[in-house]
Amino acid sequence: MAFSDARAGQNATKAIKQYADMLGKASQQIIKGMLESVKRGEFQPLDIQAALQRNKPAQAHGYEAQFISDLWLKTRDKFRKYIPKGKLRR
């Protein structure tokens, strides 16, 4: 599929880069929030996993829950030091 013109292609490419940067920043904030909550003792790391598996539509849209779930899977090893036995179920 071609762009409508060369200028539109350049603008769209720049926009995609900006959107990706925004998502990267949001990802960092979400991970930071999860780690801080676990450090404060608000919940255990496995509670995050359980909440993601029991997601109800009113809590988050499916794609939002999937995004958070993907972040959890990507960073769950960082949570090991906050678990008494140091092991997470896979």
N, C-alpha and C. Protein backbone atom coordinates (compact mmCIF):
# COMPACT_ATOMS: atom_id res chain seq x y z
N MET A 1 0.85 -1.18 0.00
CA MET A 1 0.00 0.00 0.00
C MET A 1 0.89 1.24 0.00
N ALA A 2 0.64 2.15 -0.86
CA ALA A 2 1.46 3.34 -1.01
C ALA A 2 0.86 4.50 -0.21
N PHE A 3 1.72 5.45 0.13
CA PHE A 3 1.27 6.68 0.78
C PHE A 3 0.59 7.56 -0.25
N SER A 4 -0.24 8.48 0.22
CA SER A 4 -0.92 9.39 -0.70
C SER A 4 0.09 10.30 -1.41
N ASP A 5 1.14 10.70 -0.72
CA ASP A 5 2.26 11.41 -1.34
C ASP A 5 3.48 11.25 -0.44
N ALA A 6 4.63 11.70 -0.92
CA ALA A 6 5.89 11.51 -0.17
C ALA A 6 5.86 12.23 1.17
N ARG A 7 5.31 13.43 1.18
CA ARG A 7 5.24 14.22 2.42
C ARG A 7 4.37 13.52 3.46
N ALA A 8 3.25 12.96 3.04
CA ALA A 8 2.37 12.24 3.95
C ALA A 8 3.09 11.03 4.53
N GLY A 9 3.87 10.35 3.73
CA GLY A 9 4.64 9.20 4.21
C GLY A 9 5.63 9.59 5.28
N GLN A 10 6.33 10.71 5.08
CA GLN A 10 7.29 11.20 6.07
C GLN A 10 6.59 11.58 7.37
N ASN A 11 5.46 12.28 7.25
CA ASN A 11 4.71 12.70 8.43
C ASN A 11 4.17 11.50 9.21
N ALA A 12 3.66 10.52 8.49
CA ALA A 12 3.12 9.33 9.14
C ALA A 12 4.23 8.55 9.85
N THR A 13 5.39 8.46 9.23
CA THR A 13 6.52 7.76 9.84
C THR A 13 6.97 8.47 11.12
N LYS A 14 7.03 9.79 11.10
CA LYS A 14 7.38 10.57 12.29
C LYS A 14 6.34 10.36 13.39
N ALA A 15 5.08 10.35 13.01
CA ALA A 15 4.00 10.18 13.98
C ALA A 15 4.09 8.81 14.65
N ILE A 16 4.36 7.77 13.86
CA ILE A 16 4.49 6.42 14.43
C ILE A 16 5.64 6.38 15.44
N LYS A 17 6.74 7.03 15.13
CA LYS A 17 7.88 7.09 16.05
C LYS A 17 7.47 7.78 17.35
N GLN A 18 6.73 8.88 17.25
CA GLN A 18 6.27 9.60 18.45
C GLN A 18 5.33 8.72 19.27
N TYR A 19 4.42 8.00 18.61
CA TYR A 19 3.49 7.12 19.32
C TYR A 19 4.25 6.01 20.04
N ALA A 20 5.26 5.47 19.39
CA ALA A 20 6.07 4.41 20.01
C ALA A 20 6.81 4.95 21.23
N ASP A 21 7.31 6.17 21.15
CA ASP A 21 7.97 6.79 22.30
C ASP A 21 7.00 6.97 23.45
N MET A 22 5.77 7.40 23.14
CA MET A 22 4.75 7.57 24.18
C MET A 22 4.43 6.24 24.86
N LEU A 23 4.29 5.18 24.07
CA LEU A 23 4.02 3.86 24.63
C LEU A 23 5.18 3.39 25.50
N GLY A 24 6.40 3.67 25.09
CA GLY A 24 7.56 3.30 25.88
C GLY A 24 7.56 3.98 27.24
N LYS A 25 7.23 5.26 27.26
CA LYS A 25 7.15 6.00 28.52
C LYS A 25 6.03 5.47 29.40
N ALA A 26 4.89 5.16 28.78
CA ALA A 26 3.78 4.60 29.55
C ALA A 26 4.16 3.24 30.12
N SER A 27 4.87 2.43 29.36
CA SER A 27 5.32 1.12 29.84
C SER A 27 6.20 1.28 31.06
N GLN A 28 7.13 2.22 31.01
CA GLN A 28 8.02 2.45 32.13
C GLN A 28 7.25 2.88 33.37
N GLN A 29 6.25 3.72 33.19
CA GLN A 29 5.45 4.19 34.33
C GLN A 29 4.64 3.05 34.94
N ILE A 30 4.11 2.18 34.11
CA ILE A 30 3.33 1.04 34.60
C ILE A 30 4.22 0.10 35.39
N ILE A 31 5.39 -0.22 34.85
CA ILE A 31 6.31 -1.13 35.55
C ILE A 31 6.76 -0.50 36.86
N LYS A 32 7.07 0.78 36.84
CA LYS A 32 7.49 1.48 38.05
C LYS A 32 6.37 1.43 39.10
N GLY A 33 5.14 1.65 38.67
CA GLY A 33 4.00 1.60 39.59
C GLY A 33 3.82 0.22 40.20
N MET A 34 3.97 -0.83 39.38
CA MET A 34 3.84 -2.19 39.91
C MET A 34 4.94 -2.47 40.94
N LEU A 35 6.18 -2.12 40.63
CA LEU A 35 7.28 -2.37 41.55
C LEU A 35 7.11 -1.60 42.85
N GLU A 36 6.71 -0.33 42.76
CA GLU A 36 6.52 0.47 43.96
C GLU A 36 5.40 -0.08 44.84
N SER A 37 4.32 -0.53 44.23
CA SER A 37 3.21 -1.09 45.00
C SER A 37 3.62 -2.36 45.73
N VAL A 38 4.41 -3.20 45.06
CA VAL A 38 4.88 -4.43 45.68
C VAL A 38 5.86 -4.10 46.81
N LYS A 39 6.75 -3.14 46.58
CA LYS A 39 7.71 -2.74 47.61
C LYS A 39 7.01 -2.20 48.85
N ARG A 40 5.91 -1.46 48.65
CA ARG A 40 5.15 -0.91 49.78
C ARG A 40 4.32 -1.97 50.48
N GLY A 41 4.22 -3.14 49.89
CA GLY A 41 3.46 -4.22 50.51
C GLY A 41 1.97 -4.16 50.27
N GLU A 42 1.54 -3.41 49.27
CA GLU A 42 0.12 -3.30 48.97
C GLU A 42 -0.44 -4.63 48.46
N PHE A 43 0.38 -5.38 47.75
CA PHE A 43 0.02 -6.71 47.27
C PHE A 43 1.28 -7.45 46.89
N GLN A 44 1.13 -8.74 46.66
CA GLN A 44 2.23 -9.60 46.25
C GLN A 44 2.31 -9.61 44.72
N PRO A 45 3.48 -9.89 44.16
CA PRO A 45 3.59 -9.93 42.70
C PRO A 45 2.61 -10.89 42.03
N LEU A 46 2.36 -12.01 42.66
CA LEU A 46 1.43 -12.96 42.04
C LEU A 46 -0.01 -12.45 42.04
N ASP A 47 -0.29 -11.47 42.91
CA ASP A 47 -1.62 -10.85 42.88
C ASP A 47 -1.84 -10.09 41.59
N ILE A 48 -0.77 -9.52 41.04
CA ILE A 48 -0.87 -8.83 39.75
C ILE A 48 -1.27 -9.83 38.68
N GLN A 49 -0.60 -10.97 38.69
CA GLN A 49 -0.89 -12.00 37.70
C GLN A 49 -2.33 -12.50 37.84
N ALA A 50 -2.77 -12.71 39.08
CA ALA A 50 -4.15 -13.18 39.30
C ALA A 50 -5.16 -12.14 38.83
N ALA A 51 -4.90 -10.87 39.11
CA ALA A 51 -5.81 -9.80 38.69
C ALA A 51 -5.89 -9.71 37.17
N LEU A 52 -4.76 -9.90 36.51
CA LEU A 52 -4.76 -9.85 35.05
C LEU A 52 -5.54 -11.02 34.46
N GLN A 53 -5.47 -12.18 35.09
CA GLN A 53 -6.19 -13.34 34.59
C GLN A 53 -7.69 -13.22 34.84
N ARG A 54 -8.07 -12.49 35.88
CA ARG A 54 -9.48 -12.33 36.22
C ARG A 54 -10.04 -11.00 35.74
N ASN A 55 -9.38 -10.37 34.80
CA ASN A 55 -9.79 -9.05 34.32
C ASN A 55 -11.26 -9.04 33.91
N LYS A 56 -11.97 -8.05 34.41
CA LYS A 56 -13.37 -7.85 34.03
C LYS A 56 -13.42 -6.67 33.06
N PRO A 57 -14.34 -6.68 32.13
CA PRO A 57 -14.41 -5.61 31.13
C PRO A 57 -14.50 -4.21 31.74
N ALA A 58 -15.10 -4.07 32.91
CA ALA A 58 -15.23 -2.75 33.51
C ALA A 58 -13.89 -2.22 34.02
N GLN A 59 -12.93 -3.11 34.28
CA GLN A 59 -11.64 -2.67 34.80
C GLN A 59 -10.75 -2.09 33.71
N ALA A 60 -10.69 -2.73 32.59
CA ALA A 60 -9.84 -2.28 31.48
C ALA A 60 -10.33 -2.91 30.19
N HIS A 61 -10.06 -2.24 29.10
CA HIS A 61 -10.38 -2.83 27.80
C HIS A 61 -9.47 -4.03 27.58
N GLY A 62 -9.89 -4.93 26.74
CA GLY A 62 -9.11 -6.13 26.48
C GLY A 62 -7.69 -5.84 26.02
N TYR A 63 -7.53 -4.89 25.14
CA TYR A 63 -6.19 -4.57 24.64
C TYR A 63 -5.33 -3.91 25.72
N GLU A 64 -5.96 -3.16 26.64
CA GLU A 64 -5.20 -2.56 27.74
C GLU A 64 -4.72 -3.63 28.71
N ALA A 65 -5.61 -4.55 29.04
CA ALA A 65 -5.22 -5.65 29.93
C ALA A 65 -4.14 -6.50 29.28
N GLN A 66 -4.23 -6.71 27.98
CA GLN A 66 -3.22 -7.49 27.27
C GLN A 66 -1.88 -6.77 27.30
N PHE A 67 -1.89 -5.46 27.13
CA PHE A 67 -0.67 -4.65 27.18
C PHE A 67 -0.01 -4.77 28.55
N ILE A 68 -0.80 -4.63 29.61
CA ILE A 68 -0.27 -4.75 30.97
C ILE A 68 0.22 -6.17 31.22
N SER A 69 -0.51 -7.15 30.74
CA SER A 69 -0.11 -8.55 30.90
C SER A 69 1.23 -8.81 30.20
N ASP A 70 1.40 -8.25 29.02
CA ASP A 70 2.67 -8.40 28.30
C ASP A 70 3.82 -7.76 29.08
N LEU A 71 3.55 -6.60 29.69
CA LEU A 71 4.58 -5.96 30.52
C LEU A 71 4.92 -6.83 31.72
N TRP A 72 3.89 -7.42 32.34
CA TRP A 72 4.11 -8.29 33.49
C TRP A 72 4.99 -9.47 33.10
N LEU A 73 4.67 -10.12 31.99
CA LEU A 73 5.47 -11.26 31.56
C LEU A 73 6.91 -10.87 31.27
N LYS A 74 7.08 -9.68 30.74
CA LYS A 74 8.41 -9.19 30.38
C LYS A 74 9.25 -8.86 31.62
N THR A 75 8.61 -8.46 32.71
CA THR A 75 9.35 -7.97 33.88
C THR A 75 9.16 -8.79 35.14
N ARG A 76 8.45 -9.89 35.07
CA ARG A 76 8.12 -10.61 36.30
C ARG A 76 9.34 -11.12 37.05
N ASP A 77 10.43 -11.38 36.36
CA ASP A 77 11.63 -11.84 37.05
C ASP A 77 12.19 -10.77 38.00
N LYS A 78 11.93 -9.51 37.73
CA LYS A 78 12.38 -8.44 38.61
C LYS A 78 11.66 -8.49 39.96
N PHE A 79 10.51 -9.16 40.00
CA PHE A 79 9.73 -9.21 41.22
C PHE A 79 10.17 -10.34 42.16
N ARG A 80 11.05 -11.21 41.71
CA ARG A 80 11.45 -12.37 42.50
C ARG A 80 12.00 -12.00 43.87
N LYS A 81 12.73 -10.90 43.95
CA LYS A 81 13.34 -10.55 45.24
C LYS A 81 12.32 -10.09 46.26
N TYR A 82 11.08 -9.85 45.85
CA TYR A 82 10.03 -9.42 46.77
C TYR A 82 9.15 -10.58 47.22
N ILE A 83 9.49 -11.79 46.81
CA ILE A 83 8.73 -12.98 47.19
C ILE A 83 9.57 -13.74 48.21
N PRO A 84 8.97 -14.18 49.31
CA PRO A 84 9.75 -14.86 50.35
C PRO A 84 10.65 -15.99 49.85
N LYS A 85 10.14 -16.85 49.00
CA LYS A 85 10.93 -17.98 48.50
C LYS A 85 11.71 -17.61 47.25
N GLY A 86 11.44 -16.46 46.68
CA GLY A 86 12.15 -16.01 45.48
C GLY A 86 11.73 -16.73 44.21
N LYS A 87 10.61 -17.43 44.25
CA LYS A 87 10.16 -18.15 43.05
C LYS A 87 8.79 -17.66 42.62
N LEU A 88 8.63 -17.55 41.35
CA LEU A 88 7.33 -17.22 40.77
C LEU A 88 6.83 -18.42 40.00
N ARG A 89 5.55 -18.69 40.10
CA ARG A 89 4.97 -19.75 39.28
C ARG A 89 4.95 -19.32 37.84
N ARG A 90 5.17 -20.23 36.95
CA ARG A 90 5.14 -19.91 35.51
C ARG A 90 3.96 -20.55 34.87
